[in-house]
């Protein structure tokens, strides 16, 4: 019984998996924000691409 208690205490104190968990949670938050603002992001990207395309078209060497 004492051995089981020590094992459980060691598992609770072990923090090695926290780094991966934090990265996964951060990734989930970033993806959720990207999904919420998908339309606005696409609008900005399309307008910038159109601007770059017109600037390239206007360039005459």
N, C-alpha and C. Protein backbone atom coordinates (compact mmCIF):
# COMPACT_ATOMS: atom_id res chain seq x y z
N UNK A 1 0.82 -1.19 0.00
CA UNK A 1 0.00 0.00 0.00
C UNK A 1 0.86 1.26 0.00
N UNK A 2 1.94 1.22 0.76
CA UNK A 2 2.85 2.36 0.83
C UNK A 2 3.51 2.62 -0.53
N UNK A 3 3.81 1.54 -1.23
CA UNK A 3 4.42 1.65 -2.54
C UNK A 3 3.47 2.34 -3.53
N UNK A 4 2.18 2.02 -3.45
CA UNK A 4 1.20 2.63 -4.33
C UNK A 4 1.07 4.13 -4.03
N UNK A 5 1.05 4.49 -2.76
CA UNK A 5 0.96 5.90 -2.38
C UNK A 5 2.16 6.68 -2.90
N UNK A 6 3.34 6.11 -2.78
CA UNK A 6 4.55 6.77 -3.28
C UNK A 6 4.51 6.93 -4.79
N UNK A 7 4.01 5.92 -5.48
CA UNK A 7 3.90 5.98 -6.94
C UNK A 7 2.94 7.08 -7.35
N UNK A 8 1.80 7.17 -6.67
CA UNK A 8 0.81 8.20 -6.99
C UNK A 8 1.38 9.59 -6.69
N UNK A 9 2.09 9.75 -5.59
CA UNK A 9 2.70 11.04 -5.26
C UNK A 9 3.71 11.44 -6.33
N UNK A 10 4.51 10.46 -6.79
CA UNK A 10 5.51 10.75 -7.82
C UNK A 10 4.84 11.15 -9.15
N UNK A 11 3.72 10.51 -9.48
CA UNK A 11 3.03 10.85 -10.71
C UNK A 11 2.43 12.26 -10.63
N UNK A 12 1.93 12.62 -9.47
CA UNK A 12 1.35 13.95 -9.31
C UNK A 12 2.44 15.02 -9.38
N UNK A 13 3.60 14.75 -8.82
CA UNK A 13 4.69 15.73 -8.82
C UNK A 13 5.40 15.82 -10.17
N UNK A 14 5.26 14.80 -11.01
CA UNK A 14 5.94 14.77 -12.30
C UNK A 14 5.37 15.85 -13.21
N UNK A 15 6.21 16.74 -13.71
CA UNK A 15 5.78 17.84 -14.55
C UNK A 15 6.32 17.73 -15.98
N UNK A 16 6.79 16.58 -16.37
CA UNK A 16 7.41 16.45 -17.68
C UNK A 16 6.43 16.60 -18.83
N UNK A 17 5.18 16.26 -18.64
CA UNK A 17 4.20 16.36 -19.71
C UNK A 17 3.55 17.71 -19.83
N UNK A 18 3.82 18.61 -18.93
CA UNK A 18 3.16 19.90 -18.96
C UNK A 18 3.58 20.75 -20.15
N UNK A 19 4.80 20.66 -20.59
CA UNK A 19 5.24 21.45 -21.74
C UNK A 19 4.45 21.11 -22.98
N UNK A 20 4.28 19.84 -23.26
CA UNK A 20 3.53 19.42 -24.44
C UNK A 20 2.07 19.84 -24.33
N UNK A 21 1.51 19.71 -23.14
CA UNK A 21 0.12 20.10 -22.94
C UNK A 21 -0.07 21.59 -23.17
N UNK A 22 0.84 22.39 -22.69
CA UNK A 22 0.74 23.83 -22.90
C UNK A 22 0.85 24.19 -24.37
N UNK A 23 1.73 23.53 -25.11
CA UNK A 23 1.84 23.80 -26.54
C UNK A 23 0.57 23.40 -27.27
N UNK A 24 -0.01 22.29 -26.90
CA UNK A 24 -1.25 21.84 -27.54
C UNK A 24 -2.38 22.82 -27.26
N UNK A 25 -2.49 23.28 -26.02
CA UNK A 25 -3.54 24.25 -25.68
C UNK A 25 -3.34 25.56 -26.43
N UNK A 26 -2.11 26.00 -26.55
CA UNK A 26 -1.82 27.23 -27.29
C UNK A 26 -2.19 27.07 -28.76
N UNK A 27 -1.89 25.92 -29.33
CA UNK A 27 -2.24 25.65 -30.73
C UNK A 27 -3.75 25.64 -30.92
N UNK A 28 -4.48 25.06 -29.97
CA UNK A 28 -5.94 25.03 -30.05
C UNK A 28 -6.50 26.45 -30.01
N UNK A 29 -5.95 27.30 -29.16
CA UNK A 29 -6.42 28.68 -29.07
C UNK A 29 -6.14 29.43 -30.37
N UNK A 30 -4.96 29.26 -30.94
CA UNK A 30 -4.62 29.95 -32.19
C UNK A 30 -5.53 29.48 -33.33
N UNK A 31 -5.78 28.19 -33.42
CA UNK A 31 -6.66 27.67 -34.47
C UNK A 31 -8.08 28.18 -34.27
N UNK A 32 -8.55 28.23 -33.03
CA UNK A 32 -9.91 28.72 -32.75
C UNK A 32 -10.03 30.19 -33.16
N UNK A 33 -9.03 31.00 -32.85
CA UNK A 33 -9.07 32.41 -33.23
C UNK A 33 -9.03 32.55 -34.75
N UNK A 34 -8.23 31.75 -35.41
CA UNK A 34 -8.16 31.80 -36.87
C UNK A 34 -9.50 31.41 -37.49
N UNK A 35 -10.17 30.43 -36.91
CA UNK A 35 -11.47 30.02 -37.43
C UNK A 35 -12.53 31.10 -37.19
N UNK A 36 -12.46 31.77 -36.05
CA UNK A 36 -13.43 32.82 -35.76
C UNK A 36 -13.29 34.01 -36.71
N UNK A 37 -12.06 34.36 -37.04
CA UNK A 37 -11.80 35.53 -37.87
C UNK A 37 -11.39 35.15 -39.29
N UNK A 38 -11.82 33.99 -39.74
CA UNK A 38 -11.44 33.49 -41.06
C UNK A 38 -11.82 34.45 -42.18
N UNK A 39 -13.04 34.96 -42.14
CA UNK A 39 -13.50 35.85 -43.21
C UNK A 39 -12.70 37.15 -43.25
N UNK A 40 -12.44 37.71 -42.08
CA UNK A 40 -11.66 38.95 -42.03
C UNK A 40 -10.23 38.72 -42.50
N UNK A 41 -9.64 37.61 -42.10
CA UNK A 41 -8.26 37.29 -42.51
C UNK A 41 -8.21 37.11 -44.02
N UNK A 42 -9.17 36.38 -44.58
CA UNK A 42 -9.18 36.16 -46.03
C UNK A 42 -9.37 37.47 -46.77
N UNK A 43 -10.19 38.37 -46.25
CA UNK A 43 -10.38 39.68 -46.89
C UNK A 43 -9.10 40.48 -46.93
N UNK A 44 -8.37 40.49 -45.82
CA UNK A 44 -7.10 41.23 -45.76
C UNK A 44 -6.08 40.62 -46.71
N UNK A 45 -6.00 39.30 -46.72
CA UNK A 45 -5.02 38.62 -47.59
C UNK A 45 -5.35 38.87 -49.06
N UNK A 46 -6.62 38.78 -49.42
CA UNK A 46 -7.01 39.02 -50.82
C UNK A 46 -6.71 40.45 -51.24
N UNK A 47 -7.00 41.42 -50.37
CA UNK A 47 -6.72 42.81 -50.75
C UNK A 47 -5.23 43.06 -50.89
N UNK A 48 -4.43 42.48 -50.01
CA UNK A 48 -2.97 42.65 -50.13
C UNK A 48 -2.43 41.98 -51.39
N UNK A 49 -2.97 40.80 -51.71
CA UNK A 49 -2.52 40.11 -52.93
C UNK A 49 -2.91 40.91 -54.17
N UNK A 50 -4.09 41.51 -54.15
CA UNK A 50 -4.50 42.34 -55.28
C UNK A 50 -3.60 43.56 -55.40
N UNK A 51 -3.24 44.15 -54.28
CA UNK A 51 -2.34 45.31 -54.29
C UNK A 51 -0.98 44.92 -54.83
N UNK A 52 -0.45 43.79 -54.39
CA UNK A 52 0.86 43.33 -54.87
C UNK A 52 0.79 43.03 -56.38
N UNK A 53 -0.31 42.42 -56.80
CA UNK A 53 -0.46 42.11 -58.21
C UNK A 53 -0.53 43.38 -59.05
N UNK A 54 -1.25 44.39 -58.59
CA UNK A 54 -1.31 45.64 -59.35
C UNK A 54 0.02 46.38 -59.33
N UNK A 55 0.75 46.31 -58.22
CA UNK A 55 2.07 46.93 -58.15
C UNK A 55 3.06 46.25 -59.09
N UNK A 56 2.96 44.93 -59.17
CA UNK A 56 3.85 44.20 -60.10
C UNK A 56 3.49 44.53 -61.55
N UNK A 57 2.17 44.62 -61.82
CA UNK A 57 1.72 44.96 -63.17
C UNK A 57 2.12 46.35 -63.58
N UNK A 58 2.20 47.27 -62.61
CA UNK A 58 2.56 48.66 -62.91
C UNK A 58 4.07 48.86 -63.04
N UNK A 59 4.84 47.87 -62.66
CA UNK A 59 6.30 48.00 -62.70
C UNK A 59 6.78 47.84 -64.14
N UNK A 60 7.46 48.86 -64.64
CA UNK A 60 8.02 48.81 -65.99
C UNK A 60 9.52 49.07 -65.90
N UNK A 61 10.29 48.08 -66.27
CA UNK A 61 11.76 48.28 -66.19
C UNK A 61 12.30 49.19 -67.27
